[in-house]
Amino acid sequence: MWIGFCEFDYRLGEVHSLKQKRSVVRPIVADIRRRHQVSVAEVGHLDVHRRASIGVSVVAADRGHVVDLLDAIERTAADHPEVELLSARRRIISADDL
């Protein structure tokens, strides 16, 4: 079993409140979840209105599938012109490493 996870760090555009932030972040989270059927959530910068951190995790039987899926998810995460993707940090581990 292989486990992959990725954290995306975003800078939000013209957002001036946490309410506006939610209206930008929720559609991104929903889009990633809908397109790739993975676990995804806002995981950082929760009290900062111009930054967001979104985490994604996947589990698969082989490493290649995890890599391909994380690559596709990263393309989806970057495909939102209303935000700027600052970084994408990923890690892939085997269940044997735990």
PDB file of N, CA and C in Angstrom:
ATOM      1  N   MET A   1       0.840  -1.173   0.000  1.00  0.00           N
ATOM      2  CA  MET A   1       0.000   0.000   0.000  1.00  0.00           C
ATOM      3  C   MET A   1       0.887   1.239   0.000  1.00  0.00           C
ATOM      4  N   TRP A   2       0.504   2.208  -0.822  1.00  0.00           N
ATOM      5  CA  TRP A   2       1.233   3.472  -0.922  1.00  0.00           C
ATOM      6  C   TRP A   2       0.312   4.616  -0.521  1.00  0.00           C
ATOM      7  N   ILE A   3       0.875   5.560   0.205  1.00  0.00           N
ATOM      8  CA  ILE A   3       0.140   6.720   0.690  1.00  0.00           C
ATOM      9  C   ILE A   3       0.836   7.968   0.153  1.00  0.00           C
ATOM     10  N   GLY A   4       0.056   8.830  -0.465  1.00  0.00           N
ATOM     11  CA  GLY A   4       0.604  10.077  -0.979  1.00  0.00           C
ATOM     12  C   GLY A   4      -0.189  11.246  -0.433  1.00  0.00           C
ATOM     13  N   PHE A   5       0.525  12.294  -0.123  1.00  0.00           N
ATOM     14  CA  PHE A   5      -0.180  13.501   0.301  1.00  0.00           C
ATOM     15  C   PHE A   5       0.554  14.710  -0.215  1.00  0.00           C
ATOM     16  N   CYS A   6      -0.218  15.775  -0.383  1.00  0.00           N
ATOM     17  CA  CYS A   6       0.315  17.004  -0.933  1.00  0.00           C
ATOM     18  C   CYS A   6      -0.357  18.175  -0.236  1.00  0.00           C
ATOM     19  N   GLU A   7       0.418  19.233   0.006  1.00  0.00           N
ATOM     20  CA  GLU A   7      -0.122  20.440   0.596  1.00  0.00           C
ATOM     21  C   GLU A   7       0.143  21.604  -0.358  1.00  0.00           C
ATOM     22  N   PHE A   8      -0.921  22.298  -0.713  1.00  0.00           N
ATOM     23  CA  PHE A   8      -0.846  23.424  -1.625  1.00  0.00           C
ATOM     24  C   PHE A   8      -0.971  24.717  -0.825  1.00  0.00           C
ATOM     25  N   ASP A   9      -0.045  25.631  -1.054  1.00  0.00           N
ATOM     26  CA  ASP A   9      -0.063  26.928  -0.380  1.00  0.00           C
ATOM     27  C   ASP A   9      -0.470  27.985  -1.403  1.00  0.00           C
ATOM     28  N   TYR A  10      -1.541  28.699  -1.103  1.00  0.00           N
ATOM     29  CA  TYR A  10      -2.094  29.691  -2.018  1.00  0.00           C
ATOM     30  C   TYR A  10      -2.010  31.096  -1.446  1.00  0.00           C
ATOM     31  N   ARG A  11      -1.848  32.065  -2.349  1.00  0.00           N
ATOM     32  CA  ARG A  11      -2.069  33.470  -2.015  1.00  0.00           C
ATOM     33  C   ARG A  11      -3.359  33.851  -2.731  1.00  0.00           C
ATOM     34  N   LEU A  12      -4.297  34.392  -1.972  1.00  0.00           N
ATOM     35  CA  LEU A  12      -5.591  34.752  -2.526  1.00  0.00           C
ATOM     36  C   LEU A  12      -5.536  36.188  -3.029  1.00  0.00           C
ATOM     37  N   GLY A  13      -6.314  36.468  -4.036  1.00  0.00           N
ATOM     38  CA  GLY A  13      -6.315  37.791  -4.649  1.00  0.00           C
ATOM     39  C   GLY A  13      -7.015  38.829  -3.792  1.00  0.00           C
ATOM     40  N   GLU A  14      -8.001  39.458  -4.336  1.00  0.00           N
ATOM     41  CA  GLU A  14      -8.726  40.547  -3.673  1.00  0.00           C
ATOM     42  C   GLU A  14      -9.710  39.997  -2.644  1.00  0.00           C
ATOM     43  N   VAL A  15      -9.182  39.466  -1.576  1.00  0.00           N
ATOM     44  CA  VAL A  15      -9.991  38.920  -0.490  1.00  0.00           C
ATOM     45  C   VAL A  15      -9.728  39.769   0.745  1.00  0.00           C
ATOM     46  N   HIS A  16     -10.800  40.280   1.347  1.00  0.00           N
ATOM     47  CA  HIS A  16     -10.642  41.199   2.471  1.00  0.00           C
ATOM     48  C   HIS A  16     -11.311  40.715   3.750  1.00  0.00           C
ATOM     49  N   SER A  17     -11.818  39.487   3.756  1.00  0.00           N
ATOM     50  CA  SER A  17     -12.442  38.955   4.965  1.00  0.00           C
ATOM     51  C   SER A  17     -12.385  37.433   4.922  1.00  0.00           C
ATOM     52  N   LEU A  18     -12.598  36.812   6.070  1.00  0.00           N
ATOM     53  CA  LEU A  18     -12.623  35.354   6.117  1.00  0.00           C
ATOM     54  C   LEU A  18     -13.834  34.801   5.371  1.00  0.00           C
ATOM     55  N   LYS A  19     -14.923  35.552   5.340  1.00  0.00           N
ATOM     56  CA  LYS A  19     -16.112  35.134   4.588  1.00  0.00           C
ATOM     57  C   LYS A  19     -15.805  35.088   3.084  1.00  0.00           C
ATOM     58  N   GLN A  20     -15.125  36.102   2.576  1.00  0.00           N
ATOM     59  CA  GLN A  20     -14.716  36.093   1.168  1.00  0.00           C
ATOM     60  C   GLN A  20     -13.742  34.957   0.900  1.00  0.00           C
ATOM     61  N   LYS A  21     -12.843  34.703   1.855  1.00  0.00           N
ATOM     62  CA  LYS A  21     -11.870  33.610   1.705  1.00  0.00           C
ATOM     63  C   LYS A  21     -12.607  32.284   1.523  1.00  0.00           C
ATOM     64  N   ARG A  22     -13.614  32.036   2.365  1.00  0.00           N
ATOM     65  CA  ARG A  22     -14.368  30.784   2.250  1.00  0.00           C
ATOM     66  C   ARG A  22     -15.018  30.653   0.873  1.00  0.00           C
ATOM     67  N   SER A  23     -15.488  31.767   0.318  1.00  0.00           N
ATOM     68  CA  SER A  23     -16.144  31.709  -0.988  1.00  0.00           C
ATOM     69  C   SER A  23     -15.151  31.417  -2.114  1.00  0.00           C
ATOM     70  N   VAL A  24     -13.860  31.618  -1.874  1.00  0.00           N
ATOM     71  CA  VAL A  24     -12.825  31.287  -2.858  1.00  0.00           C
ATOM     72  C   VAL A  24     -12.295  29.873  -2.631  1.00  0.00           C
ATOM     73  N   VAL A  25     -12.061  29.502  -1.378  1.00  0.00           N
ATOM     74  CA  VAL A  25     -11.418  28.222  -1.059  1.00  0.00           C
ATOM     75  C   VAL A  25     -12.369  27.039  -1.239  1.00  0.00           C
ATOM     76  N   ARG A  26     -13.611  27.173  -0.818  1.00  0.00           N
ATOM     77  CA  ARG A  26     -14.553  26.050  -0.910  1.00  0.00           C
ATOM     78  C   ARG A  26     -14.708  25.508  -2.330  1.00  0.00           C
ATOM     79  N   PRO A  27     -14.840  26.356  -3.358  1.00  0.00           N
ATOM     80  CA  PRO A  27     -14.938  25.796  -4.712  1.00  0.00           C
ATOM     81  C   PRO A  27     -13.673  25.061  -5.169  1.00  0.00           C
ATOM     82  N   ILE A  28     -12.512  25.497  -4.718  1.00  0.00           N
ATOM     83  CA  ILE A  28     -11.268  24.802  -5.074  1.00  0.00           C
ATOM     84  C   ILE A  28     -11.251  23.418  -4.435  1.00  0.00           C
ATOM     85  N   VAL A  29     -11.584  23.355  -3.153  1.00  0.00           N
ATOM     86  CA  VAL A  29     -11.642  22.070  -2.443  1.00  0.00           C
ATOM     87  C   VAL A  29     -12.658  21.143  -3.113  1.00  0.00           C
ATOM     88  N   ALA A  30     -13.840  21.675  -3.415  1.00  0.00           N
ATOM     89  CA  ALA A  30     -14.885  20.870  -4.052  1.00  0.00           C
ATOM     90  C   ALA A  30     -14.465  20.384  -5.437  1.00  0.00           C
ATOM     91  N   ASP A  31     -13.776  21.232  -6.197  1.00  0.00           N
ATOM     92  CA  ASP A  31     -13.326  20.856  -7.539  1.00  0.00           C
ATOM     93  C   ASP A  31     -12.325  19.707  -7.481  1.00  0.00           C
ATOM     94  N   ILE A  32     -11.351  19.801  -6.584  1.00  0.00           N
ATOM     95  CA  ILE A  32     -10.355  18.728  -6.452  1.00  0.00           C
ATOM     96  C   ILE A  32     -11.040  17.438  -6.017  1.00  0.00           C
ATOM     97  N   ARG A  33     -11.928  17.523  -5.035  1.00  0.00           N
ATOM     98  CA  ARG A  33     -12.633  16.333  -4.538  1.00  0.00           C
ATOM     99  C   ARG A  33     -13.473  15.706  -5.651  1.00  0.00           C
ATOM    100  N   ARG A  34     -14.201  16.526  -6.399  1.00  0.00           N
ATOM    101  CA  ARG A  34     -15.092  16.022  -7.452  1.00  0.00           C
ATOM    102  C   ARG A  34     -14.314  15.385  -8.608  1.00  0.00           C
ATOM    103  N   ARG A  35     -13.253  16.047  -9.048  1.00  0.00           N
ATOM    104  CA  ARG A  35     -12.494  15.543 -10.201  1.00  0.00           C
ATOM    105  C   ARG A  35     -11.692  14.288  -9.902  1.00  0.00           C
ATOM    106  N   HIS A  36     -11.192  14.162  -8.660  1.00  0.00           N
ATOM    107  CA  HIS A  36     -10.226  13.092  -8.386  1.00  0.00           C
ATOM    108  C   HIS A  36     -10.662  12.102  -7.317  1.00  0.00           C
ATOM    109  N   GLN A  37     -11.806  12.335  -6.672  1.00  0.00           N
ATOM    110  CA  GLN A  37     -12.332  11.421  -5.654  1.00  0.00           C
ATOM    111  C   GLN A  37     -11.289  11.121  -4.573  1.00  0.00           C
ATOM    112  N   VAL A  38     -10.732  12.192  -3.991  1.00  0.00           N
ATOM    113  CA  VAL A  38      -9.703  12.063  -2.953  1.00  0.00           C
ATOM    114  C   VAL A  38     -10.134  12.828  -1.707  1.00  0.00           C
ATOM    115  N   SER A  39      -9.430  12.596  -0.623  1.00  0.00           N
ATOM    116  CA  SER A  39      -9.646  13.359   0.603  1.00  0.00           C
ATOM    117  C   SER A  39      -8.940  14.698   0.465  1.00  0.00           C
ATOM    118  N   VAL A  40      -9.659  15.781   0.741  1.00  0.00           N
ATOM    119  CA  VAL A  40      -9.096  17.122   0.591  1.00  0.00           C
ATOM    120  C   VAL A  40      -9.760  18.051   1.599  1.00  0.00           C
ATOM    121  N   ALA A  41      -8.955  18.960   2.169  1.00  0.00           N
ATOM    122  CA  ALA A  41      -9.478  19.903   3.155  1.00  0.00           C
ATOM    123  C   ALA A  41      -8.557  21.110   3.260  1.00  0.00           C
ATOM    124  N   GLU A  42      -9.120  22.213   3.733  1.00  0.00           N
ATOM    125  CA  GLU A  42      -8.294  23.368   4.074  1.00  0.00           C
ATOM    126  C   GLU A  42      -7.589  23.023   5.380  1.00  0.00           C
ATOM    127  N   VAL A  43      -6.264  23.138   5.393  1.00  0.00           N
ATOM    128  CA  VAL A  43      -5.502  22.642   6.544  1.00  0.00           C
ATOM    129  C   VAL A  43      -4.597  23.683   7.201  1.00  0.00           C
ATOM    130  N   GLY A  44      -4.505  24.868   6.633  1.00  0.00           N
ATOM    131  CA  GLY A  44      -3.607  25.857   7.222  1.00  0.00           C
ATOM    132  C   GLY A  44      -4.008  27.269   6.877  1.00  0.00           C
ATOM    133  N   HIS A  45      -3.386  28.217   7.579  1.00  0.00           N
ATOM    134  CA  HIS A  45      -3.680  29.643   7.408  1.00  0.00           C
ATOM    135  C   HIS A  45      -5.173  29.909   7.626  1.00  0.00           C
ATOM    136  N   LEU A  46      -5.768  29.224   8.593  1.00  0.00           N
ATOM    137  CA  LEU A  46      -7.211  29.299   8.784  1.00  0.00           C
ATOM    138  C   LEU A  46      -7.690  30.681   9.215  1.00  0.00           C
ATOM    139  N   ASP A  47      -6.868  31.433   9.913  1.00  0.00           N
ATOM    140  CA  ASP A  47      -7.278  32.750  10.401  1.00  0.00           C
ATOM    141  C   ASP A  47      -6.679  33.906   9.601  1.00  0.00           C
ATOM    142  N   VAL A  48      -6.070  33.605   8.474  1.00  0.00           N
ATOM    143  CA  VAL A  48      -5.458  34.625   7.628  1.00  0.00           C
ATOM    144  C   VAL A  48      -6.298  34.724   6.355  1.00  0.00           C
ATOM    145  N   HIS A  49      -6.787  35.917   6.035  1.00  0.00           N
ATOM    146  CA  HIS A  49      -7.733  36.005   4.934  1.00  0.00           C
ATOM    147  C   HIS A  49      -7.111  36.035   3.539  1.00  0.00           C
ATOM    148  N   ARG A  50      -5.821  36.274   3.392  1.00  0.00           N
ATOM    149  CA  ARG A  50      -5.223  36.312   2.054  1.00  0.00           C
ATOM    150  C   ARG A  50      -4.365  35.098   1.723  1.00  0.00           C
ATOM    151  N   ARG A  51      -4.330  34.100   2.614  1.00  0.00           N
ATOM    152  CA  ARG A  51      -3.553  32.877   2.375  1.00  0.00           C
ATOM    153  C   ARG A  51      -4.438  31.675   2.652  1.00  0.00           C
ATOM    154  N   ALA A  52      -4.146  30.569   2.007  1.00  0.00           N
ATOM    155  CA  ALA A  52      -4.858  29.315   2.247  1.00  0.00           C
ATOM    156  C   ALA A  52      -3.905  28.157   2.017  1.00  0.00           C
ATOM    157  N   SER A  53      -4.101  27.115   2.774  1.00  0.00           N
ATOM    158  CA  SER A  53      -3.335  25.891   2.605  1.00  0.00           C
ATOM    159  C   SER A  53      -4.336  24.744   2.500  1.00  0.00           C
ATOM    160  N   ILE A  54      -4.232  23.980   1.407  1.00  0.00           N
ATOM    161  CA  ILE A  54      -5.157  22.879   1.156  1.00  0.00           C
ATOM    162  C   ILE A  54      -4.357  21.587   1.102  1.00  0.00           C
ATOM    163  N   GLY A  55      -4.817  20.584   1.852  1.00  0.00           N
ATOM    164  CA  GLY A  55      -4.143  19.289   1.892  1.00  0.00           C
ATOM    165  C   GLY A  55      -4.959  18.222   1.185  1.00  0.00           C
ATOM    166  N   VAL A  56      -4.245  17.311   0.520  1.00  0.00           N
ATOM    167  CA  VAL A  56      -4.859  16.223  -0.242  1.00  0.00           C
ATOM    168  C   VAL A  56      -4.150  14.929   0.127  1.00  0.00           C
ATOM    169  N   SER A  57      -4.908  13.838   0.252  1.00  0.00           N
ATOM    170  CA  SER A  57      -4.262  12.547   0.498  1.00  0.00           C
ATOM    171  C   SER A  57      -4.884  11.475  -0.388  1.00  0.00           C
ATOM    172  N   VAL A  58      -4.044  10.520  -0.781  1.00  0.00           N
ATOM    173  CA  VAL A  58      -4.484   9.413  -1.628  1.00  0.00           C
ATOM    174  C   VAL A  58      -3.839   8.121  -1.131  1.00  0.00           C
ATOM    175  N   VAL A  59      -4.510   7.025  -1.396  1.00  0.00           N
ATOM    176  CA  VAL A  59      -3.992   5.697  -1.074  1.00  0.00           C
ATOM    177  C   VAL A  59      -4.198   4.817  -2.301  1.00  0.00           C
ATOM    178  N   ALA A  60      -3.180   4.042  -2.665  1.00  0.00           N
ATOM    179  CA  ALA A  60      -3.286   3.148  -3.822  1.00  0.00           C
ATOM    180  C   ALA A  60      -2.387   1.939  -3.623  1.00  0.00           C
ATOM    181  N   ALA A  61      -2.587   0.965  -4.462  1.00  0.00           N
ATOM    182  CA  ALA A  61      -1.825  -0.277  -4.362  1.00  0.00           C
ATOM    183  C   ALA A  61      -0.405  -0.143  -4.893  1.00  0.00           C
ATOM    184  N   ASP A  62      -0.195   0.752  -5.859  1.00  0.00           N
ATOM    185  CA  ASP A  62       1.165   0.892  -6.392  1.00  0.00           C
ATOM    186  C   ASP A  62       1.593   2.355  -6.424  1.00  0.00           C
ATOM    187  N   ARG A  63       2.892   2.555  -6.327  1.00  0.00           N
ATOM    188  CA  ARG A  63       3.472   3.892  -6.251  1.00  0.00           C
ATOM    189  C   ARG A  63       3.202   4.714  -7.512  1.00  0.00           C
ATOM    190  N   GLY A  64       3.268   4.099  -8.666  1.00  0.00           N
ATOM    191  CA  GLY A  64       3.062   4.795  -9.922  1.00  0.00           C
ATOM    192  C   GLY A  64       1.688   5.451 -10.003  1.00  0.00           C
ATOM    193  N   HIS A  65       0.680   4.756  -9.503  1.00  0.00           N
ATOM    194  CA  HIS A  65      -0.664   5.316  -9.522  1.00  0.00           C
ATOM    195  C   HIS A  65      -0.760   6.537  -8.602  1.00  0.00           C
ATOM    196  N   VAL A  66      -0.112   6.472  -7.451  1.00  0.00           N
ATOM    197  CA  VAL A  66      -0.095   7.608  -6.527  1.00  0.00           C
ATOM    198  C   VAL A  66       0.583   8.810  -7.176  1.00  0.00           C
ATOM    199  N   VAL A  67       1.718   8.596  -7.828  1.00  0.00           N
ATOM    200  CA  VAL A  67       2.448   9.680  -8.497  1.00  0.00           C
ATOM    201  C   VAL A  67       1.586  10.302  -9.591  1.00  0.00           C
ATOM    202  N   ASP A  68       0.964   9.470 -10.431  1.00  0.00           N
ATOM    203  CA  ASP A  68       0.118   9.978 -11.516  1.00  0.00           C
ATOM    204  C   ASP A  68      -1.057  10.785 -10.967  1.00  0.00           C
ATOM    205  N   LEU A  69      -1.668  10.289  -9.911  1.00  0.00           N
ATOM    206  CA  LEU A  69      -2.810  10.972  -9.325  1.00  0.00           C
ATOM    207  C   LEU A  69      -2.403  12.304  -8.697  1.00  0.00           C
ATOM    208  N   LEU A  70      -1.284  12.327  -7.975  1.00  0.00           N
ATOM    209  CA  LEU A  70      -0.820  13.585  -7.388  1.00  0.00           C
ATOM    210  C   LEU A  70      -0.423  14.600  -8.461  1.00  0.00           C
ATOM    211  N   ASP A  71       0.143  14.125  -9.574  1.00  0.00           N
ATOM    212  CA  ASP A  71       0.453  15.024 -10.687  1.00  0.00           C
ATOM    213  C   ASP A  71      -0.823  15.667 -11.236  1.00  0.00           C
ATOM    214  N   ALA A  72      -1.859  14.853 -11.430  1.00  0.00           N
ATOM    215  CA  ALA A  72      -3.131  15.369 -11.949  1.00  0.00           C
ATOM    216  C   ALA A  72      -3.777  16.337 -10.965  1.00  0.00           C
ATOM    217  N   ILE A  73      -3.705  16.020  -9.687  1.00  0.00           N
ATOM    218  CA  ILE A  73      -4.274  16.892  -8.654  1.00  0.00           C
ATOM    219  C   ILE A  73      -3.529  18.224  -8.625  1.00  0.00           C
ATOM    220  N   GLU A  74      -2.220  18.179  -8.766  1.00  0.00           N
ATOM    221  CA  GLU A  74      -1.440  19.425  -8.768  1.00  0.00           C
ATOM    222  C   GLU A  74      -1.806  20.304  -9.959  1.00  0.00           C
ATOM    223  N   ARG A  75      -2.046  19.702 -11.110  1.00  0.00           N
ATOM    224  CA  ARG A  75      -2.488  20.489 -12.274  1.00  0.00           C
ATOM    225  C   ARG A  75      -3.847  21.136 -11.995  1.00  0.00           C
ATOM    226  N   THR A  76      -4.750  20.384 -11.384  1.00  0.00           N
ATOM    227  CA  THR A  76      -6.064  20.930 -11.032  1.00  0.00           C
ATOM    228  C   THR A  76      -5.921  22.059 -10.016  1.00  0.00           C
ATOM    229  N   ALA A  77      -5.063  21.866  -9.025  1.00  0.00           N
ATOM    230  CA  ALA A  77      -4.869  22.878  -7.987  1.00  0.00           C
ATOM    231  C   ALA A  77      -4.311  24.169  -8.559  1.00  0.00           C
ATOM    232  N   ALA A  78      -3.502  24.070  -9.589  1.00  0.00           N
ATOM    233  CA  ALA A  78      -2.892  25.257 -10.205  1.00  0.00           C
ATOM    234  C   ALA A  78      -3.816  25.919 -11.229  1.00  0.00           C
ATOM    235  N   ASP A  79      -4.886  25.255 -11.584  1.00  0.00           N
ATOM    236  CA  ASP A  79      -5.771  25.720 -12.660  1.00  0.00           C
ATOM    237  C   ASP A  79      -6.910  26.599 -12.136  1.00  0.00           C
ATOM    238  N   HIS A  80      -6.599  27.483 -11.220  1.00  0.00           N
ATOM    239  CA  HIS A  80      -7.596  28.401 -10.667  1.00  0.00           C
ATOM    240  C   HIS A  80      -7.022  29.819 -10.741  1.00  0.00           C
ATOM    241  N   PRO A  81      -7.435  30.591 -11.753  1.00  0.00           N
ATOM    242  CA  PRO A  81      -6.832  31.909 -11.969  1.00  0.00           C
ATOM    243  C   PRO A  81      -7.133  32.929 -10.875  1.00  0.00           C
ATOM    244  N   GLU A  82      -8.123  32.671 -10.034  1.00  0.00           N
ATOM    245  CA  GLU A  82      -8.463  33.624  -8.979  1.00  0.00           C
ATOM    246  C   GLU A  82      -7.495  33.574  -7.795  1.00  0.00           C
ATOM    247  N   VAL A  83      -6.597  32.580  -7.785  1.00  0.00           N
ATOM    248  CA  VAL A  83      -5.605  32.438  -6.717  1.00  0.00           C
ATOM    249  C   VAL A  83      -4.236  32.182  -7.329  1.00  0.00           C
ATOM    250  N   GLU A  84      -3.201  32.394  -6.534  1.00  0.00           N
ATOM    251  CA  GLU A  84      -1.833  32.119  -6.972  1.00  0.00           C
ATOM    252  C   GLU A  84      -1.290  30.955  -6.154  1.00  0.00           C
ATOM    253  N   LEU A  85      -0.923  29.868  -6.831  1.00  0.00           N
ATOM    254  CA  LEU A  85      -0.332  28.721  -6.155  1.00  0.00           C
ATOM    255  C   LEU A  85       1.127  29.037  -5.878  1.00  0.00           C
ATOM    256  N   LEU A  86       1.477  29.187  -4.596  1.00  0.00           N
ATOM    257  CA  LEU A  86       2.846  29.534  -4.214  1.00  0.00           C
ATOM    258  C   LEU A  86       3.750  28.317  -4.148  1.00  0.00           C
ATOM    259  N   SER A  87       3.226  27.209  -3.612  1.00  0.00           N
ATOM    260  CA  SER A  87       4.044  26.002  -3.512  1.00  0.00           C
ATOM    261  C   SER A  87       3.167  24.772  -3.401  1.00  0.00           C
ATOM    262  N   ALA A  88       3.758  23.651  -3.755  1.00  0.00           N
ATOM    263  CA  ALA A  88       3.113  22.348  -3.615  1.00  0.00           C
ATOM    264  C   ALA A  88       4.155  21.405  -3.013  1.00  0.00           C
ATOM    265  N   ARG A  89       3.889  20.963  -1.812  1.00  0.00           N
ATOM    266  CA  ARG A  89       4.802  20.028  -1.146  1.00  0.00           C
ATOM    267  C   ARG A  89       4.138  18.667  -1.098  1.00  0.00           C
ATOM    268  N   ARG A  90       4.869  17.651  -1.563  1.00  0.00           N
ATOM    269  CA  ARG A  90       4.288  16.317  -1.576  1.00  0.00           C
ATOM    270  C   ARG A  90       5.220  15.295  -0.947  1.00  0.00           C
ATOM    271  N   ARG A  91       4.606  14.229  -0.505  1.00  0.00           N
ATOM    272  CA  ARG A  91       5.372  13.116   0.059  1.00  0.00           C
ATOM    273  C   ARG A  91       4.640  11.829  -0.269  1.00  0.00           C
ATOM    274  N   ILE A  92       5.404  10.799  -0.581  1.00  0.00           N
ATOM    275  CA  ILE A  92       4.844   9.478  -0.878  1.00  0.00           C
ATOM    276  C   ILE A  92       5.589   8.478  -0.006  1.00  0.00           C
ATOM    277  N   ILE A  93       4.819   7.674   0.714  1.00  0.00           N
ATOM    278  CA  ILE A  93       5.423   6.670   1.587  1.00  0.00           C
ATOM    279  C   ILE A  93       4.730   5.321   1.380  1.00  0.00           C
ATOM    280  N   SER A  94       5.460   4.289   1.715  1.00  0.00           N
ATOM    281  CA  SER A  94       4.920   2.936   1.683  1.00  0.00           C
ATOM    282  C   SER A  94       4.407   2.594   3.080  1.00  0.00           C
ATOM    283  N   ALA A  95       3.424   1.733   3.130  1.00  0.00           N
ATOM    284  CA  ALA A  95       2.917   1.293   4.436  1.00  0.00           C
ATOM    285  C   ALA A  95       4.021   0.612   5.238  1.00  0.00           C
ATOM    286  N   ASP A  96       5.012   0.059   4.558  1.00  0.00           N
ATOM    287  CA  ASP A  96       6.137  -0.577   5.242  1.00  0.00           C
ATOM    288  C   ASP A  96       6.994   0.444   5.986  1.00  0.00           C
ATOM    289  N   ASP A  97       6.936   1.713   5.578  1.00  0.00           N
ATOM    290  CA  ASP A  97       7.715   2.767   6.218  1.00  0.00           C
ATOM    291  C   ASP A  97       7.119   3.222   7.533  1.00  0.00           C
ATOM    292  N   LEU A  98       5.865   2.867   7.781  1.00  0.00           N
ATOM    293  CA  LEU A  98       5.176   3.333   8.991  1.00  0.00           C
ATOM    294  C   LEU A  98       5.584   2.563  10.224  1.00  0.00           C
TER     295      LEU A  98
END
